[in-house]
PDB file of N, CA and C in Angstrom:
ATOM      1  N   MET A   1     117.935  97.745  97.485  1.00  0.00           N
ATOM      2  CA  MET A   1     117.050  96.866  98.229  1.00  0.00           C
ATOM      3  C   MET A   1     115.719  96.744  97.494  1.00  0.00           C
ATOM      4  N   ARG A   2     115.196  95.542  97.431  1.00  0.00           N
ATOM      5  CA  ARG A   2     113.934  95.293  96.729  1.00  0.00           C
ATOM      6  C   ARG A   2     112.848  94.904  97.714  1.00  0.00           C
ATOM      7  N   ARG A   3     111.596  95.179  97.299  1.00  0.00           N
ATOM      8  CA  ARG A   3     110.440  94.815  98.122  1.00  0.00           C
ATOM      9  C   ARG A   3     109.244  94.576  97.233  1.00  0.00           C
ATOM     10  N   SER A   4     108.202  94.048  97.837  1.00  0.00           N
ATOM     11  CA  SER A   4     106.938  93.866  97.127  1.00  0.00           C
ATOM     12  C   SER A   4     105.875  94.709  97.814  1.00  0.00           C
ATOM     13  N   ALA A   5     104.769  94.911  97.105  1.00  0.00           N
ATOM     14  CA  ALA A   5     103.628  95.614  97.696  1.00  0.00           C
ATOM     15  C   ALA A   5     102.350  95.057  97.095  1.00  0.00           C
ATOM     16  N   ARG A   6     101.394  94.770  97.968  1.00  0.00           N
ATOM     17  CA  ARG A   6     100.022  94.436  97.555  1.00  0.00           C
ATOM     18  C   ARG A   6      99.225  95.700  97.760  1.00  0.00           C
ATOM     19  N   ILE A   7      98.561  96.152  96.693  1.00  0.00           N
ATOM     20  CA  ILE A   7      97.927  97.469  96.701  1.00  0.00           C
ATOM     21  C   ILE A   7      96.478  97.342  96.275  1.00  0.00           C
ATOM     22  N   THR A   8      95.608  98.085  96.937  1.00  0.00           N
ATOM     23  CA  THR A   8      94.215  98.208  96.525  1.00  0.00           C
ATOM     24  C   THR A   8      93.925  99.690  96.323  1.00  0.00           C
ATOM     25  N   VAL A   9      93.370 100.014  95.154  1.00  0.00           N
ATOM     26  CA  VAL A   9      93.033 101.394  94.822  1.00  0.00           C
ATOM     27  C   VAL A   9      91.525 101.475  94.660  1.00  0.00           C
ATOM     28  N   ALA A  10      90.900 102.408  95.384  1.00  0.00           N
ATOM     29  CA  ALA A  10      89.448 102.585  95.319  1.00  0.00           C
ATOM     30  C   ALA A  10      89.110 103.962  94.755  1.00  0.00           C
ATOM     31  N   GLY A  11      87.899 104.072  94.247  1.00  0.00           N
ATOM     32  CA  GLY A  11      87.416 105.305  93.652  1.00  0.00           C
ATOM     33  C   GLY A  11      86.898 105.012  92.257  1.00  0.00           C
ATOM     34  N   LEU A  12      86.903 106.025  91.405  1.00  0.00           N
ATOM     35  CA  LEU A  12      86.528 105.838  89.995  1.00  0.00           C
ATOM     36  C   LEU A  12      87.792 105.402  89.268  1.00  0.00           C
ATOM     37  N   VAL A  13      88.029 104.089  89.261  1.00  0.00           N
ATOM     38  CA  VAL A  13      89.273 103.556  88.706  1.00  0.00           C
ATOM     39  C   VAL A  13      89.039 102.420  87.709  1.00  0.00           C
ATOM     40  N   GLN A  14      87.808 102.151  87.366  1.00  0.00           N
ATOM     41  CA  GLN A  14      87.514 101.151  86.346  1.00  0.00           C
ATOM     42  C   GLN A  14      86.830 101.823  85.160  1.00  0.00           C
ATOM     43  N   GLY A  15      87.150 101.318  83.968  1.00  0.00           N
ATOM     44  CA  GLY A  15      86.511 101.827  82.755  1.00  0.00           C
ATOM     45  C   GLY A  15      87.125 103.100  82.214  1.00  0.00           C
ATOM     46  N   ILE A  16      88.271 103.503  82.762  1.00  0.00           N
ATOM     47  CA  ILE A  16      88.908 104.744  82.296  1.00  0.00           C
ATOM     48  C   ILE A  16      90.395 104.532  81.966  1.00  0.00           C
ATOM     49  N   GLY A  17      90.797 103.286  81.797  1.00  0.00           N
ATOM     50  CA  GLY A  17      92.176 102.975  81.420  1.00  0.00           C
ATOM     51  C   GLY A  17      93.150 102.931  82.586  1.00  0.00           C
ATOM     52  N   TYR A  18      92.635 102.780  83.787  1.00  0.00           N
ATOM     53  CA  TYR A  18      93.504 102.789  84.966  1.00  0.00           C
ATOM     54  C   TYR A  18      94.506 101.633  84.953  1.00  0.00           C
ATOM     55  N   ARG A  19      94.085 100.428  84.562  1.00  0.00           N
ATOM     56  CA  ARG A  19      95.007  99.289  84.537  1.00  0.00           C
ATOM     57  C   ARG A  19      96.151  99.514  83.555  1.00  0.00           C
ATOM     58  N   TYR A  20      95.865 100.145  82.429  1.00  0.00           N
ATOM     59  CA  TYR A  20      96.902 100.390  81.427  1.00  0.00           C
ATOM     60  C   TYR A  20      97.832 101.507  81.877  1.00  0.00           C
ATOM     61  N   PHE A  21      97.289 102.477  82.614  1.00  0.00           N
ATOM     62  CA  PHE A  21      98.098 103.501  83.254  1.00  0.00           C
ATOM     63  C   PHE A  21      99.092 102.823  84.223  1.00  0.00           C
ATOM     64  N   CYS A  22      98.592 101.872  85.009  1.00  0.00           N
ATOM     65  CA  CYS A  22      99.439 101.143  85.951  1.00  0.00           C
ATOM     66  C   CYS A  22     100.552 100.393  85.225  1.00  0.00           C
ATOM     67  N   ARG A  23     100.197  99.723  84.137  1.00  0.00           N
ATOM     68  CA  ARG A  23     101.197  98.970  83.376  1.00  0.00           C
ATOM     69  C   ARG A  23     102.285  99.904  82.843  1.00  0.00           C
ATOM     70  N   ARG A  24     101.881 101.052  82.321  1.00  0.00           N
ATOM     71  CA  ARG A  24     102.854 102.012  81.790  1.00  0.00           C
ATOM     72  C   ARG A  24     103.766 102.542  82.907  1.00  0.00           C
ATOM     73  N   GLN A  25     103.169 102.906  84.035  1.00  0.00           N
ATOM     74  CA  GLN A  25     103.957 103.417  85.159  1.00  0.00           C
ATOM     75  C   GLN A  25     104.924 102.353  85.687  1.00  0.00           C
ATOM     76  N   ALA A  26     104.463 101.119  85.776  1.00  0.00           N
ATOM     77  CA  ALA A  26     105.330 100.027  86.237  1.00  0.00           C
ATOM     78  C   ALA A  26     106.494  99.822  85.270  1.00  0.00           C
ATOM     79  N   GLY A  27     106.207  99.864  83.977  1.00  0.00           N
ATOM     80  CA  GLY A  27     107.261  99.689  82.975  1.00  0.00           C
ATOM     81  C   GLY A  27     108.323 100.770  83.063  1.00  0.00           C
ATOM     82  N   GLU A  28     107.900 102.009  83.286  1.00  0.00           N
ATOM     83  CA  GLU A  28     108.851 103.114  83.410  1.00  0.00           C
ATOM     84  C   GLU A  28     109.753 102.951  84.628  1.00  0.00           C
ATOM     85  N   ARG A  29     109.284 102.218  85.618  1.00  0.00           N
ATOM     86  CA  ARG A  29     110.032 102.047  86.867  1.00  0.00           C
ATOM     87  C   ARG A  29     110.657 100.651  87.000  1.00  0.00           C
ATOM     88  N   HIS A  30     110.573  99.857  85.941  1.00  0.00           N
ATOM     89  CA  HIS A  30     111.142  98.502  85.926  1.00  0.00           C
ATOM     90  C   HIS A  30     110.576  97.638  87.051  1.00  0.00           C
ATOM     91  N   LEU A  31     109.273  97.779  87.284  1.00  0.00           N
ATOM     92  CA  LEU A  31     108.578  96.971  88.280  1.00  0.00           C
ATOM     93  C   LEU A  31     107.891  95.802  87.601  1.00  0.00           C
ATOM     94  N   VAL A  32     107.717  94.725  88.313  1.00  0.00           N
ATOM     95  CA  VAL A  32     107.039  93.540  87.802  1.00  0.00           C
ATOM     96  C   VAL A  32     105.860  93.217  88.706  1.00  0.00           C
ATOM     97  N   GLY A  33     104.909  92.441  88.167  1.00  0.00           N
ATOM     98  CA  GLY A  33     103.740  92.037  88.942  1.00  0.00           C
ATOM     99  C   GLY A  33     102.502  92.041  88.074  1.00  0.00           C
ATOM    100  N   TRP A  34     101.385  92.521  88.645  1.00  0.00           N
ATOM    101  CA  TRP A  34     100.125  92.492  87.905  1.00  0.00           C
ATOM    102  C   TRP A  34      99.142  93.522  88.459  1.00  0.00           C
ATOM    103  N   VAL A  35      98.093  93.767  87.662  1.00  0.00           N
ATOM    104  CA  VAL A  35      96.983  94.626  88.060  1.00  0.00           C
ATOM    105  C   VAL A  35      95.699  93.986  87.547  1.00  0.00           C
ATOM    106  N   LYS A  36      94.620  94.082  88.330  1.00  0.00           N
ATOM    107  CA  LYS A  36      93.330  93.561  87.877  1.00  0.00           C
ATOM    108  C   LYS A  36      92.199  94.326  88.549  1.00  0.00           C
ATOM    109  N   ASN A  37      91.063  94.357  87.863  1.00  0.00           N
ATOM    110  CA  ASN A  37      89.854  94.943  88.428  1.00  0.00           C
ATOM    111  C   ASN A  37      89.248  93.979  89.428  1.00  0.00           C
ATOM    112  N   LEU A  38      88.632  94.535  90.473  1.00  0.00           N
ATOM    113  CA  LEU A  38      87.909  93.739  91.455  1.00  0.00           C
ATOM    114  C   LEU A  38      86.410  93.950  91.275  1.00  0.00           C
ATOM    115  N   PRO A  39      85.599  92.983  91.657  1.00  0.00           N
ATOM    116  CA  PRO A  39      84.141  93.087  91.451  1.00  0.00           C
ATOM    117  C   PRO A  39      83.496  94.336  92.062  1.00  0.00           C
ATOM    118  N   GLY A  40      83.990  94.842  93.166  1.00  0.00           N
ATOM    119  CA  GLY A  40      83.372  95.987  93.825  1.00  0.00           C
ATOM    120  C   GLY A  40      83.700  97.334  93.217  1.00  0.00           C
ATOM    121  N   GLY A  41      84.520  97.360  92.146  1.00  0.00           N
ATOM    122  CA  GLY A  41      84.852  98.621  91.490  1.00  0.00           C
ATOM    123  C   GLY A  41      86.244  99.136  91.794  1.00  0.00           C
ATOM    124  N   SER A  42      86.983  98.448  92.662  1.00  0.00           N
ATOM    125  CA  SER A  42      88.355  98.872  92.949  1.00  0.00           C
ATOM    126  C   SER A  42      89.331  98.089  92.074  1.00  0.00           C
ATOM    127  N   VAL A  43      90.603  98.404  92.224  1.00  0.00           N
ATOM    128  CA  VAL A  43      91.664  97.768  91.446  1.00  0.00           C
ATOM    129  C   VAL A  43      92.671  97.173  92.422  1.00  0.00           C
ATOM    130  N   SER A  44      93.127  95.949  92.141  1.00  0.00           N
ATOM    131  CA  SER A  44      94.115  95.271  92.954  1.00  0.00           C
ATOM    132  C   SER A  44      95.416  95.158  92.173  1.00  0.00           C
ATOM    133  N   LEU A  45      96.528  95.373  92.863  1.00  0.00           N
ATOM    134  CA  LEU A  45      97.842  95.288  92.228  1.00  0.00           C
ATOM    135  C   LEU A  45      98.809  94.534  93.112  1.00  0.00           C
ATOM    136  N   TYR A  46      99.805  93.930  92.475  1.00  0.00           N
ATOM    137  CA  TYR A  46     100.945  93.358  93.168  1.00  0.00           C
ATOM    138  C   TYR A  46     102.170  93.799  92.380  1.00  0.00           C
ATOM    139  N   VAL A  47     103.122  94.441  93.058  1.00  0.00           N
ATOM    140  CA  VAL A  47     104.335  94.896  92.379  1.00  0.00           C
ATOM    141  C   VAL A  47     105.560  94.486  93.170  1.00  0.00           C
ATOM    142  N   GLU A  48     106.656  94.328  92.434  1.00  0.00           N
ATOM    143  CA  GLU A  48     107.955  94.062  93.031  1.00  0.00           C
ATOM    144  C   GLU A  48     108.994  94.901  92.317  1.00  0.00           C
ATOM    145  N   GLY A  49     109.983  95.350  93.080  1.00  0.00           N
ATOM    146  CA  GLY A  49     111.077  96.103  92.494  1.00  0.00           C
ATOM    147  C   GLY A  49     111.857  96.854  93.550  1.00  0.00           C
ATOM    148  N   GLU A  50     112.689  97.765  93.091  1.00  0.00           N
ATOM    149  CA  GLU A  50     113.491  98.581  93.997  1.00  0.00           C
ATOM    150  C   GLU A  50     112.569  99.422  94.881  1.00  0.00           C
ATOM    151  N   VAL A  51     112.916  99.549  96.144  1.00  0.00           N
ATOM    152  CA  VAL A  51     112.087 100.238  97.133  1.00  0.00           C
ATOM    153  C   VAL A  51     111.682 101.632  96.661  1.00  0.00           C
ATOM    154  N   ASP A  52     112.636 102.437  96.188  1.00  0.00           N
ATOM    155  CA  ASP A  52     112.329 103.805  95.753  1.00  0.00           C
ATOM    156  C   ASP A  52     111.336 103.817  94.605  1.00  0.00           C
ATOM    157  N   GLU A  53     111.480 102.881  93.678  1.00  0.00           N
ATOM    158  CA  GLU A  53     110.589 102.834  92.525  1.00  0.00           C
ATOM    159  C   GLU A  53     109.186 102.375  92.927  1.00  0.00           C
ATOM    160  N   VAL A  54     109.091 101.450  93.860  1.00  0.00           N
ATOM    161  CA  VAL A  54     107.780 101.032  94.362  1.00  0.00           C
ATOM    162  C   VAL A  54     107.076 102.234  94.997  1.00  0.00           C
ATOM    163  N   GLU A  55     107.805 103.024  95.776  1.00  0.00           N
ATOM    164  CA  GLU A  55     107.218 104.209  96.417  1.00  0.00           C
ATOM    165  C   GLU A  55     106.771 105.243  95.382  1.00  0.00           C
ATOM    166  N   ARG A  56     107.568 105.460  94.358  1.00  0.00           N
ATOM    167  CA  ARG A  56     107.189 106.404  93.292  1.00  0.00           C
ATOM    168  C   ARG A  56     105.947 105.903  92.553  1.00  0.00           C
ATOM    169  N   PHE A  57     105.897 104.611  92.311  1.00  0.00           N
ATOM    170  CA  PHE A  57     104.748 103.997  91.645  1.00  0.00           C
ATOM    171  C   PHE A  57     103.479 104.228  92.462  1.00  0.00           C
ATOM    172  N   ILE A  58     103.546 103.980  93.749  1.00  0.00           N
ATOM    173  CA  ILE A  58     102.379 104.168  94.615  1.00  0.00           C
ATOM    174  C   ILE A  58     101.945 105.629  94.622  1.00  0.00           C
ATOM    175  N   ALA A  59     102.896 106.542  94.607  1.00  0.00           N
ATOM    176  CA  ALA A  59     102.554 107.976  94.540  1.00  0.00           C
ATOM    177  C   ALA A  59     101.790 108.291  93.257  1.00  0.00           C
ATOM    178  N   GLU A  60     102.193 107.691  92.130  1.00  0.00           N
ATOM    179  CA  GLU A  60     101.490 107.914  90.857  1.00  0.00           C
ATOM    180  C   GLU A  60     100.090 107.319  90.885  1.00  0.00           C
ATOM    181  N   LEU A  61      99.911 106.212  91.586  1.00  0.00           N
ATOM    182  CA  LEU A  61      98.590 105.586  91.673  1.00  0.00           C
ATOM    183  C   LEU A  61      97.584 106.515  92.325  1.00  0.00           C
ATOM    184  N   ARG A  62      98.039 107.383  93.209  1.00  0.00           N
ATOM    185  CA  ARG A  62      97.140 108.314  93.903  1.00  0.00           C
ATOM    186  C   ARG A  62      96.509 109.322  92.952  1.00  0.00           C
ATOM    187  N   SER A  63      97.189 109.627  91.857  1.00  0.00           N
ATOM    188  CA  SER A  63      96.649 110.553  90.850  1.00  0.00           C
ATOM    189  C   SER A  63      95.900 109.804  89.763  1.00  0.00           C
ATOM    190  N   GLY A  64      96.546 108.778  89.216  1.00  0.00           N
ATOM    191  CA  GLY A  64      95.940 108.000  88.142  1.00  0.00           C
ATOM    192  C   GLY A  64      95.908 108.767  86.837  1.00  0.00           C
ATOM    193  N   PRO A  65      95.294 108.190  85.822  1.00  0.00           N
ATOM    194  CA  PRO A  65      95.182 108.846  84.515  1.00  0.00           C
ATOM    195  C   PRO A  65      94.068 109.891  84.537  1.00  0.00           C
ATOM    196  N   ALA A  66      93.981 110.673  83.474  1.00  0.00           N
ATOM    197  CA  ALA A  66      92.892 111.639  83.347  1.00  0.00           C
ATOM    198  C   ALA A  66      91.564 110.896  83.448  1.00  0.00           C
ATOM    199  N   GLY A  67      90.655 111.431  84.210  1.00  0.00           N
ATOM    200  CA  GLY A  67      89.353 110.795  84.376  1.00  0.00           C
ATOM    201  C   GLY A  67      89.228 109.959  85.632  1.00  0.00           C
ATOM    202  N   ALA A  68      90.349 109.603  86.243  1.00  0.00           N
ATOM    203  CA  ALA A  68      90.309 108.819  87.478  1.00  0.00           C
ATOM    204  C   ALA A  68      90.013 109.740  88.663  1.00  0.00           C
ATOM    205  N   LYS A  69      89.305 109.197  89.616  1.00  0.00           N
ATOM    206  CA  LYS A  69      89.065 109.890  90.875  1.00  0.00           C
ATOM    207  C   LYS A  69      89.395 108.898  91.995  1.00  0.00           C
ATOM    208  N   VAL A  70      90.655 108.880  92.375  1.00  0.00           N
ATOM    209  CA  VAL A  70      91.139 107.950  93.384  1.00  0.00           C
ATOM    210  C   VAL A  70      90.746 108.465  94.769  1.00  0.00           C
ATOM    211  N   THR A  71      90.114 107.591  95.560  1.00  0.00           N
ATOM    212  CA  THR A  71      89.750 107.973  96.927  1.00  0.00           C
ATOM    213  C   THR A  71      90.709 107.389  97.950  1.00  0.00           C
ATOM    214  N   THR A  72      91.162 106.154  97.748  1.00  0.00           N
ATOM    215  CA  THR A  72      92.135 105.559  98.669  1.00  0.00           C
ATOM    216  C   THR A  72      93.121 104.664  97.936  1.00  0.00           C
ATOM    217  N   VAL A  73      94.317 104.612  98.470  1.00  0.00           N
ATOM    218  CA  VAL A  73      95.354 103.687  98.009  1.00  0.00           C
ATOM    219  C   VAL A  73      95.919 103.031  99.263  1.00  0.00           C
ATOM    220  N   ASP A  74      95.679 101.738  99.418  1.00  0.00           N
ATOM    221  CA  ASP A  74      96.178 100.985 100.560  1.00  0.00           C
ATOM    222  C   ASP A  74      97.272 100.040 100.079  1.00  0.00           C
ATOM    223  N   ALA A  75      98.407 100.059 100.779  1.00  0.00           N
ATOM    224  CA  ALA A  75      99.529  99.200 100.400  1.00  0.00           C
ATOM    225  C   ALA A  75     100.029  98.414 101.597  1.00  0.00           C
ATOM    226  N   ASP A  76     100.254  97.132 101.387  1.00  0.00           N
ATOM    227  CA  ASP A  76     100.885  96.255 102.374  1.00  0.00           C
ATOM    228  C   ASP A  76     102.193  95.781 101.764  1.00  0.00           C
ATOM    229  N   TYR A  77     103.278  96.002 102.481  1.00  0.00           N
ATOM    230  CA  TYR A  77     104.602  95.684 101.965  1.00  0.00           C
ATOM    231  C   TYR A  77     105.057  94.304 102.405  1.00  0.00           C
ATOM    232  N   GLY A  78     105.869  93.700 101.542  1.00  0.00           N
ATOM    233  CA  GLY A  78     106.395  92.379 101.845  1.00  0.00           C
ATOM    234  C   GLY A  78     107.769  92.190 101.238  1.00  0.00           C
ATOM    235  N   ASP A  79     108.243  90.967 101.311  1.00  0.00           N
ATOM    236  CA  ASP A  79     109.550  90.614 100.769  1.00  0.00           C
ATOM    237  C   ASP A  79     109.472  90.451  99.257  1.00  0.00           C
ATOM    238  N   TYR A  80     110.576  90.675  98.609  1.00  0.00           N
ATOM    239  CA  TYR A  80     110.720  90.477  97.166  1.00  0.00           C
ATOM    240  C   TYR A  80     110.793  88.979  96.894  1.00  0.00           C
ATOM    241  N   SER A  81     109.953  88.485  95.974  1.00  0.00           N
ATOM    242  CA  SER A  81     109.952  87.051  95.670  1.00  0.00           C
ATOM    243  C   SER A  81     110.794  86.700  94.455  1.00  0.00           C
ATOM    244  N   GLY A  82     110.883  87.615  93.499  1.00  0.00           N
ATOM    245  CA  GLY A  82     111.633  87.349  92.281  1.00  0.00           C
ATOM    246  C   GLY A  82     110.948  86.403  91.309  1.00  0.00           C
ATOM    247  N   LYS A  83     109.672  86.099  91.525  1.00  0.00           N
ATOM    248  CA  LYS A  83     109.005  85.124  90.659  1.00  0.00           C
ATOM    249  C   LYS A  83     108.333  85.737  89.429  1.00  0.00           C
ATOM    250  N   PHE A  84     108.354  87.051  89.302  1.00  0.00           N
ATOM    251  CA  PHE A  84     107.740  87.708  88.142  1.00  0.00           C
ATOM    252  C   PHE A  84     108.817  88.246  87.215  1.00  0.00           C
ATOM    253  N   THR A  85     108.517  88.239  85.909  1.00  0.00           N
ATOM    254  CA  THR A  85     109.472  88.761  84.935  1.00  0.00           C
ATOM    255  C   THR A  85     108.926  89.966  84.181  1.00  0.00           C
ATOM    256  N   ALA A  86     107.636  90.271  84.361  1.00  0.00           N
ATOM    257  CA  ALA A  86     107.005  91.377  83.642  1.00  0.00           C
ATOM    258  C   ALA A  86     105.847  91.899  84.487  1.00  0.00           C
ATOM    259  N   PHE A  87     105.238  92.980  84.035  1.00  0.00           N
ATOM    260  CA  PHE A  87     104.037  93.505  84.677  1.00  0.00           C
ATOM    261  C   PHE A  87     102.895  93.282  83.707  1.00  0.00           C
ATOM    262  N   GLU A  88     101.845  92.597  84.166  1.00  0.00           N
ATOM    263  CA  GLU A  88     100.756  92.255  83.264  1.00  0.00           C
ATOM    264  C   GLU A  88      99.406  92.750  83.773  1.00  0.00           C
ATOM    265  N   VAL A  89      98.509  92.952  82.826  1.00  0.00           N
ATOM    266  CA  VAL A  89      97.127  93.278  83.129  1.00  0.00           C
ATOM    267  C   VAL A  89      96.360  91.969  83.145  1.00  0.00           C
ATOM    268  N   LYS A  90      95.723  91.670  84.272  1.00  0.00           N
ATOM    269  CA  LYS A  90      94.931  90.451  84.391  1.00  0.00           C
ATOM    270  C   LYS A  90      93.459  90.775  84.118  1.00  0.00           C
ATOM    271  N   TYR A  91      92.777  89.816  83.542  1.00  0.00           N
ATOM    272  CA  TYR A  91      91.351  89.987  83.249  1.00  0.00           C
ATOM    273  C   TYR A  91      90.523  89.023  84.053  1.00  0.00           C
TER     274      TYR A  91
END
């Protein structure tokens, strides 16, 4: 079963390679979608893939790469759209 998730990660998550950490984690789990920095200092993500892999991905977001200090991870789940073919870092 597949699903999507819109995720917002807050804390010290910009300027320390967090988006590239997300891309690597998504690739390992065969997830598609995107990640981008938000003006207020948080990170926004959209992912699609197998339910178990989406859950594992979200668990990894709570830790982040070395140097990250994640305070919150909020996820809203939705239906799988199938419109993405890769996971990209947006600027």
